[in-house]
Amino acid sequence: MSGSLPDNTRELVAMAASVACGCEPCLKYHYDAAKKAGCSVKEMTDAVGIAMMVKQAPLKAMEELTQRLGIRKGA
């Protein structure tokens, strides 16, 4: 896929999107592509960390809602 983003940036975004949507085959593919594009382990770790934070936001919101509704006790 062509575009204005450099290959390494595109692959970091794709890795993060793969993590955020829970697609294991996608993450494996984009991990290999990111390595080939010259991404460092630190860059990949940062991208995955950001994705994990994004992925956790809806879970946290749902936990809070279920507590407010009284259908789940707080931890």
PDB file of N, CA and C in Angstrom:
ATOM      1  N   MET A   1       0.846  -1.178   0.000  1.00  0.00           N
ATOM      2  CA  MET A   1       0.000   0.000   0.000  1.00  0.00           C
ATOM      3  C   MET A   1       0.888   1.236   0.000  1.00  0.00           C
ATOM      4  N   SER A   2       0.627   2.145  -0.888  1.00  0.00           N
ATOM      5  CA  SER A   2       1.417   3.366  -0.952  1.00  0.00           C
ATOM      6  C   SER A   2       0.683   4.478  -0.214  1.00  0.00           C
ATOM      7  N   GLY A   3       1.423   5.499   0.137  1.00  0.00           N
ATOM      8  CA  GLY A   3       0.835   6.629   0.845  1.00  0.00           C
ATOM      9  C   GLY A   3       1.917   7.588   1.261  1.00  0.00           C
ATOM     10  N   SER A   4       1.538   8.578   2.039  1.00  0.00           N
ATOM     11  CA  SER A   4       2.501   9.596   2.426  1.00  0.00           C
ATOM     12  C   SER A   4       3.309   9.214   3.659  1.00  0.00           C
ATOM     13  N   LEU A   5       2.893   8.186   4.408  1.00  0.00           N
ATOM     14  CA  LEU A   5       3.652   7.755   5.572  1.00  0.00           C
ATOM     15  C   LEU A   5       4.811   6.861   5.145  1.00  0.00           C
ATOM     16  N   PRO A   6       5.954   7.022   5.796  1.00  0.00           N
ATOM     17  CA  PRO A   6       7.062   6.101   5.516  1.00  0.00           C
ATOM     18  C   PRO A   6       6.677   4.670   5.923  1.00  0.00           C
ATOM     19  N   ASP A   7       7.311   3.691   5.292  1.00  0.00           N
ATOM     20  CA  ASP A   7       6.994   2.286   5.563  1.00  0.00           C
ATOM     21  C   ASP A   7       7.083   1.943   7.043  1.00  0.00           C
ATOM     22  N   ASN A   8       8.121   2.435   7.730  1.00  0.00           N
ATOM     23  CA  ASN A   8       8.272   2.079   9.143  1.00  0.00           C
ATOM     24  C   ASN A   8       7.116   2.630   9.975  1.00  0.00           C
ATOM     25  N   THR A   9       6.708   3.849   9.711  1.00  0.00           N
ATOM     26  CA  THR A   9       5.582   4.450  10.440  1.00  0.00           C
ATOM     27  C   THR A   9       4.292   3.700  10.124  1.00  0.00           C
ATOM     28  N   ARG A  10       4.084   3.371   8.884  1.00  0.00           N
ATOM     29  CA  ARG A  10       2.888   2.640   8.471  1.00  0.00           C
ATOM     30  C   ARG A  10       2.799   1.302   9.204  1.00  0.00           C
ATOM     31  N   GLU A  11       3.923   0.615   9.325  1.00  0.00           N
ATOM     32  CA  GLU A  11       3.914  -0.689   9.997  1.00  0.00           C
ATOM     33  C   GLU A  11       3.701  -0.557  11.499  1.00  0.00           C
ATOM     34  N   LEU A  12       4.217   0.510  12.111  1.00  0.00           N
ATOM     35  CA  LEU A  12       3.955   0.730  13.535  1.00  0.00           C
ATOM     36  C   LEU A  12       2.471   0.998  13.778  1.00  0.00           C
ATOM     37  N   VAL A  13       1.862   1.778  12.909  1.00  0.00           N
ATOM     38  CA  VAL A  13       0.420   2.042  13.008  1.00  0.00           C
ATOM     39  C   VAL A  13      -0.346   0.733  12.818  1.00  0.00           C
ATOM     40  N   ALA A  14       0.051  -0.066  11.861  1.00  0.00           N
ATOM     41  CA  ALA A  14      -0.627  -1.337  11.599  1.00  0.00           C
ATOM     42  C   ALA A  14      -0.472  -2.295  12.777  1.00  0.00           C
ATOM     43  N   MET A  15       0.697  -2.309  13.409  1.00  0.00           N
ATOM     44  CA  MET A  15       0.885  -3.135  14.600  1.00  0.00           C
ATOM     45  C   MET A  15      -0.065  -2.695  15.698  1.00  0.00           C
ATOM     46  N   ALA A  16      -0.128  -1.384  15.927  1.00  0.00           N
ATOM     47  CA  ALA A  16      -0.997  -0.853  16.979  1.00  0.00           C
ATOM     48  C   ALA A  16      -2.461  -1.178  16.687  1.00  0.00           C
ATOM     49  N   ALA A  17      -2.875  -1.026  15.457  1.00  0.00           N
ATOM     50  CA  ALA A  17      -4.254  -1.340  15.083  1.00  0.00           C
ATOM     51  C   ALA A  17      -4.541  -2.830  15.273  1.00  0.00           C
ATOM     52  N   SER A  18      -3.577  -3.658  14.957  1.00  0.00           N
ATOM     53  CA  SER A  18      -3.737  -5.104  15.130  1.00  0.00           C
ATOM     54  C   SER A  18      -3.962  -5.460  16.597  1.00  0.00           C
ATOM     55  N   VAL A  19      -3.178  -4.846  17.474  1.00  0.00           N
ATOM     56  CA  VAL A  19      -3.326  -5.084  18.909  1.00  0.00           C
ATOM     57  C   VAL A  19      -4.678  -4.563  19.389  1.00  0.00           C
ATOM     58  N   ALA A  20      -5.030  -3.355  18.985  1.00  0.00           N
ATOM     59  CA  ALA A  20      -6.275  -2.736  19.450  1.00  0.00           C
ATOM     60  C   ALA A  20      -7.506  -3.533  19.027  1.00  0.00           C
ATOM     61  N   CYS A  21      -7.442  -4.188  17.866  1.00  0.00           N
ATOM     62  CA  CYS A  21      -8.609  -4.965  17.424  1.00  0.00           C
ATOM     63  C   CYS A  21      -8.466  -6.451  17.739  1.00  0.00           C
ATOM     64  N   GLY A  22      -7.344  -6.845  18.333  1.00  0.00           N
ATOM     65  CA  GLY A  22      -7.174  -8.230  18.760  1.00  0.00           C
ATOM     66  C   GLY A  22      -6.932  -9.222  17.643  1.00  0.00           C
ATOM     67  N   CYS A  23      -6.291  -8.797  16.580  1.00  0.00           N
ATOM     68  CA  CYS A  23      -6.043  -9.687  15.440  1.00  0.00           C
ATOM     69  C   CYS A  23      -4.619 -10.248  15.521  1.00  0.00           C
ATOM     70  N   GLU A  24      -4.507 -11.484  16.018  1.00  0.00           N
ATOM     71  CA  GLU A  24      -3.184 -12.101  16.163  1.00  0.00           C
ATOM     72  C   GLU A  24      -2.458 -12.306  14.836  1.00  0.00           C
ATOM     73  N   PRO A  25      -3.125 -12.846  13.793  1.00  0.00           N
ATOM     74  CA  PRO A  25      -2.412 -13.001  12.519  1.00  0.00           C
ATOM     75  C   PRO A  25      -1.925 -11.660  11.963  1.00  0.00           C
ATOM     76  N   CYS A  26      -2.735 -10.627  12.156  1.00  0.00           N
ATOM     77  CA  CYS A  26      -2.348  -9.299  11.675  1.00  0.00           C
ATOM     78  C   CYS A  26      -1.102  -8.810  12.404  1.00  0.00           C
ATOM     79  N   LEU A  27      -1.083  -8.978  13.727  1.00  0.00           N
ATOM     80  CA  LEU A  27       0.074  -8.528  14.502  1.00  0.00           C
ATOM     81  C   LEU A  27       1.339  -9.274  14.072  1.00  0.00           C
ATOM     82  N   LYS A  28       1.235 -10.581  13.882  1.00  0.00           N
ATOM     83  CA  LYS A  28       2.403 -11.359  13.447  1.00  0.00           C
ATOM     84  C   LYS A  28       2.912 -10.858  12.091  1.00  0.00           C
ATOM     85  N   TYR A  29       1.994 -10.629  11.184  1.00  0.00           N
ATOM     86  CA  TYR A  29       2.373 -10.142   9.858  1.00  0.00           C
ATOM     87  C   TYR A  29       3.061  -8.777   9.954  1.00  0.00           C
ATOM     88  N   HIS A  30       2.439  -7.840  10.679  1.00  0.00           N
ATOM     89  CA  HIS A  30       2.973  -6.482  10.738  1.00  0.00           C
ATOM     90  C   HIS A  30       4.220  -6.382  11.613  1.00  0.00           C
ATOM     91  N   TYR A  31       4.373  -7.289  12.564  1.00  0.00           N
ATOM     92  CA  TYR A  31       5.624  -7.355  13.329  1.00  0.00           C
ATOM     93  C   TYR A  31       6.792  -7.681  12.391  1.00  0.00           C
ATOM     94  N   ASP A  32       6.613  -8.709  11.573  1.00  0.00           N
ATOM     95  CA  ASP A  32       7.662  -9.065  10.605  1.00  0.00           C
ATOM     96  C   ASP A  32       7.916  -7.926   9.619  1.00  0.00           C
ATOM     97  N   ALA A  33       6.836  -7.305   9.143  1.00  0.00           N
ATOM     98  CA  ALA A  33       6.988  -6.193   8.194  1.00  0.00           C
ATOM     99  C   ALA A  33       7.662  -4.995   8.846  1.00  0.00           C
ATOM    100  N   ALA A  34       7.373  -4.747  10.110  1.00  0.00           N
ATOM    101  CA  ALA A  34       8.000  -3.629  10.825  1.00  0.00           C
ATOM    102  C   ALA A  34       9.501  -3.868  10.990  1.00  0.00           C
ATOM    103  N   LYS A  35       9.871  -5.104  11.304  1.00  0.00           N
ATOM    104  CA  LYS A  35      11.301  -5.425  11.400  1.00  0.00           C
ATOM    105  C   LYS A  35      11.992  -5.195  10.061  1.00  0.00           C
ATOM    106  N   LYS A  36      11.353  -5.644   8.980  1.00  0.00           N
ATOM    107  CA  LYS A  36      11.927  -5.463   7.645  1.00  0.00           C
ATOM    108  C   LYS A  36      12.017  -3.989   7.268  1.00  0.00           C
ATOM    109  N   ALA A  37      11.080  -3.179   7.795  1.00  0.00           N
ATOM    110  CA  ALA A  37      11.069  -1.744   7.494  1.00  0.00           C
ATOM    111  C   ALA A  37      12.055  -0.967   8.376  1.00  0.00           C
ATOM    112  N   GLY A  38      12.735  -1.674   9.282  1.00  0.00           N
ATOM    113  CA  GLY A  38      13.762  -1.031  10.102  1.00  0.00           C
ATOM    114  C   GLY A  38      13.293  -0.490  11.440  1.00  0.00           C
ATOM    115  N   CYS A  39      12.122  -0.885  11.889  1.00  0.00           N
ATOM    116  CA  CYS A  39      11.626  -0.429  13.187  1.00  0.00           C
ATOM    117  C   CYS A  39      12.425  -1.091  14.306  1.00  0.00           C
ATOM    118  N   SER A  40      12.723  -0.314  15.315  1.00  0.00           N
ATOM    119  CA  SER A  40      13.444  -0.847  16.465  1.00  0.00           C
ATOM    120  C   SER A  40      12.474  -1.532  17.418  1.00  0.00           C
ATOM    121  N   VAL A  41      13.015  -2.370  18.296  1.00  0.00           N
ATOM    122  CA  VAL A  41      12.190  -3.014  19.311  1.00  0.00           C
ATOM    123  C   VAL A  41      11.541  -1.951  20.188  1.00  0.00           C
ATOM    124  N   LYS A  42      12.239  -0.890  20.503  1.00  0.00           N
ATOM    125  CA  LYS A  42      11.690   0.203  21.327  1.00  0.00           C
ATOM    126  C   LYS A  42      10.493   0.844  20.627  1.00  0.00           C
ATOM    127  N   GLU A  43      10.608   1.110  19.340  1.00  0.00           N
ATOM    128  CA  GLU A  43       9.492   1.701  18.589  1.00  0.00           C
ATOM    129  C   GLU A  43       8.277   0.772  18.589  1.00  0.00           C
ATOM    130  N   MET A  44       8.536  -0.521  18.364  1.00  0.00           N
ATOM    131  CA  MET A  44       7.434  -1.477  18.351  1.00  0.00           C
ATOM    132  C   MET A  44       6.804  -1.599  19.731  1.00  0.00           C
ATOM    133  N   THR A  45       7.640  -1.598  20.766  1.00  0.00           N
ATOM    134  CA  THR A  45       7.136  -1.667  22.147  1.00  0.00           C
ATOM    135  C   THR A  45       6.269  -0.458  22.459  1.00  0.00           C
ATOM    136  N   ASP A  46       6.697   0.724  22.051  1.00  0.00           N
ATOM    137  CA  ASP A  46       5.911   1.939  22.283  1.00  0.00           C
ATOM    138  C   ASP A  46       4.567   1.871  21.555  1.00  0.00           C
ATOM    139  N   ALA A  47       4.583   1.440  20.303  1.00  0.00           N
ATOM    140  CA  ALA A  47       3.343   1.351  19.525  1.00  0.00           C
ATOM    141  C   ALA A  47       2.363   0.369  20.168  1.00  0.00           C
ATOM    142  N   VAL A  48       2.874  -0.770  20.602  1.00  0.00           N
ATOM    143  CA  VAL A  48       2.025  -1.776  21.235  1.00  0.00           C
ATOM    144  C   VAL A  48       1.512  -1.264  22.585  1.00  0.00           C
ATOM    145  N   GLY A  49       2.352  -0.567  23.329  1.00  0.00           N
ATOM    146  CA  GLY A  49       1.928  -0.017  24.620  1.00  0.00           C
ATOM    147  C   GLY A  49       0.792   0.980  24.471  1.00  0.00           C
ATOM    148  N   ILE A  50       0.890   1.838  23.476  1.00  0.00           N
ATOM    149  CA  ILE A  50      -0.179   2.807  23.213  1.00  0.00           C
ATOM    150  C   ILE A  50      -1.465   2.069  22.839  1.00  0.00           C
ATOM    151  N   ALA A  51      -1.343   1.059  21.990  1.00  0.00           N
ATOM    152  CA  ALA A  51      -2.520   0.289  21.576  1.00  0.00           C
ATOM    153  C   ALA A  51      -3.174  -0.405  22.763  1.00  0.00           C
ATOM    154  N   MET A  52      -2.373  -0.929  23.666  1.00  0.00           N
ATOM    155  CA  MET A  52      -2.925  -1.600  24.842  1.00  0.00           C
ATOM    156  C   MET A  52      -3.689  -0.615  25.719  1.00  0.00           C
ATOM    157  N   MET A  53      -3.179   0.601  25.852  1.00  0.00           N
ATOM    158  CA  MET A  53      -3.894   1.619  26.626  1.00  0.00           C
ATOM    159  C   MET A  53      -5.231   1.953  25.965  1.00  0.00           C
ATOM    160  N   VAL A  54      -5.220   2.094  24.651  1.00  0.00           N
ATOM    161  CA  VAL A  54      -6.460   2.393  23.911  1.00  0.00           C
ATOM    162  C   VAL A  54      -7.456   1.246  24.078  1.00  0.00           C
ATOM    163  N   LYS A  55      -6.968   0.027  23.981  1.00  0.00           N
ATOM    164  CA  LYS A  55      -7.832  -1.147  24.097  1.00  0.00           C
ATOM    165  C   LYS A  55      -8.450  -1.255  25.486  1.00  0.00           C
ATOM    166  N   GLN A  56      -7.746  -0.817  26.515  1.00  0.00           N
ATOM    167  CA  GLN A  56      -8.241  -0.918  27.884  1.00  0.00           C
ATOM    168  C   GLN A  56      -9.315   0.120  28.213  1.00  0.00           C
ATOM    169  N   ALA A  57      -9.348   1.225  27.496  1.00  0.00           N
ATOM    170  CA  ALA A  57     -10.307   2.296  27.809  1.00  0.00           C
ATOM    171  C   ALA A  57     -11.762   1.817  27.782  1.00  0.00           C
ATOM    172  N   PRO A  58     -12.212   1.089  26.756  1.00  0.00           N
ATOM    173  CA  PRO A  58     -13.605   0.626  26.763  1.00  0.00           C
ATOM    174  C   PRO A  58     -13.893  -0.356  27.902  1.00  0.00           C
ATOM    175  N   LEU A  59     -12.934  -1.196  28.241  1.00  0.00           N
ATOM    176  CA  LEU A  59     -13.118  -2.140  29.337  1.00  0.00           C
ATOM    177  C   LEU A  59     -13.300  -1.392  30.653  1.00  0.00           C
ATOM    178  N   LYS A  60     -12.484  -0.384  30.881  1.00  0.00           N
ATOM    179  CA  LYS A  60     -12.597   0.414  32.098  1.00  0.00           C
ATOM    180  C   LYS A  60     -13.963   1.096  32.156  1.00  0.00           C
ATOM    181  N   ALA A  61     -14.400   1.650  31.059  1.00  0.00           N
ATOM    182  CA  ALA A  61     -15.709   2.314  31.011  1.00  0.00           C
ATOM    183  C   ALA A  61     -16.828   1.318  31.296  1.00  0.00           C
ATOM    184  N   MET A  62     -16.734   0.108  30.756  1.00  0.00           N
ATOM    185  CA  MET A  62     -17.759  -0.905  30.990  1.00  0.00           C
ATOM    186  C   MET A  62     -17.750  -1.355  32.446  1.00  0.00           C
ATOM    187  N   GLU A  63     -16.586  -1.492  33.043  1.00  0.00           N
ATOM    188  CA  GLU A  63     -16.501  -1.846  34.463  1.00  0.00           C
ATOM    189  C   GLU A  63     -17.186  -0.785  35.322  1.00  0.00           C
ATOM    190  N   GLU A  64     -16.926   0.481  35.018  1.00  0.00           N
ATOM    191  CA  GLU A  64     -17.542   1.567  35.769  1.00  0.00           C
ATOM    192  C   GLU A  64     -19.054   1.565  35.595  1.00  0.00           C
ATOM    193  N   LEU A  65     -19.535   1.341  34.388  1.00  0.00           N
ATOM    194  CA  LEU A  65     -20.972   1.315  34.135  1.00  0.00           C
ATOM    195  C   LEU A  65     -21.636   0.164  34.885  1.00  0.00           C
ATOM    196  N   THR A  66     -21.044  -1.023  34.841  1.00  0.00           N
ATOM    197  CA  THR A  66     -21.653  -2.161  35.532  1.00  0.00           C
ATOM    198  C   THR A  66     -21.672  -1.946  37.044  1.00  0.00           C
ATOM    199  N   GLN A  67     -20.680  -1.257  37.565  1.00  0.00           N
ATOM    200  CA  GLN A  67     -20.690  -0.922  38.993  1.00  0.00           C
ATOM    201  C   GLN A  67     -21.815   0.062  39.306  1.00  0.00           C
ATOM    202  N   ARG A  68     -21.979   1.097  38.468  1.00  0.00           N
ATOM    203  CA  ARG A  68     -23.041   2.082  38.677  1.00  0.00           C
ATOM    204  C   ARG A  68     -24.424   1.443  38.586  1.00  0.00           C
ATOM    205  N   LEU A  69     -24.568   0.455  37.707  1.00  0.00           N
ATOM    206  CA  LEU A  69     -25.842  -0.228  37.551  1.00  0.00           C
ATOM    207  C   LEU A  69     -26.082  -1.246  38.667  1.00  0.00           C
ATOM    208  N   GLY A  70     -25.061  -1.507  39.455  1.00  0.00           N
ATOM    209  CA  GLY A  70     -25.192  -2.438  40.563  1.00  0.00           C
ATOM    210  C   GLY A  70     -25.132  -3.895  40.157  1.00  0.00           C
ATOM    211  N   ILE A  71     -24.569  -4.174  38.987  1.00  0.00           N
ATOM    212  CA  ILE A  71     -24.488  -5.556  38.532  1.00  0.00           C
ATOM    213  C   ILE A  71     -23.066  -6.103  38.591  1.00  0.00           C
ATOM    214  N   ARG A  72     -22.193  -5.329  39.222  1.00  0.00           N
ATOM    215  CA  ARG A  72     -20.808  -5.783  39.439  1.00  0.00           C
ATOM    216  C   ARG A  72     -20.274  -5.007  40.624  1.00  0.00           C
ATOM    217  N   LYS A  73     -19.663  -5.733  41.539  1.00  0.00           N
ATOM    218  CA  LYS A  73     -19.095  -5.084  42.710  1.00  0.00           C
ATOM    219  C   LYS A  73     -17.718  -4.516  42.365  1.00  0.00           C
ATOM    220  N   GLY A  74     -17.372  -3.401  42.981  1.00  0.00           N
ATOM    221  CA  GLY A  74     -16.058  -2.796  42.774  1.00  0.00           C
ATOM    222  C   GLY A  74     -14.960  -3.665  43.352  1.00  0.00           C
ATOM    223  N   ALA A  75     -13.790  -3.530  42.781  1.00  0.00           N
ATOM    224  CA  ALA A  75     -12.655  -4.328  43.243  1.00  0.00           C
ATOM    225  C   ALA A  75     -12.078  -3.772  44.525  1.00  0.00           C
TER     226      ALA A  75
END
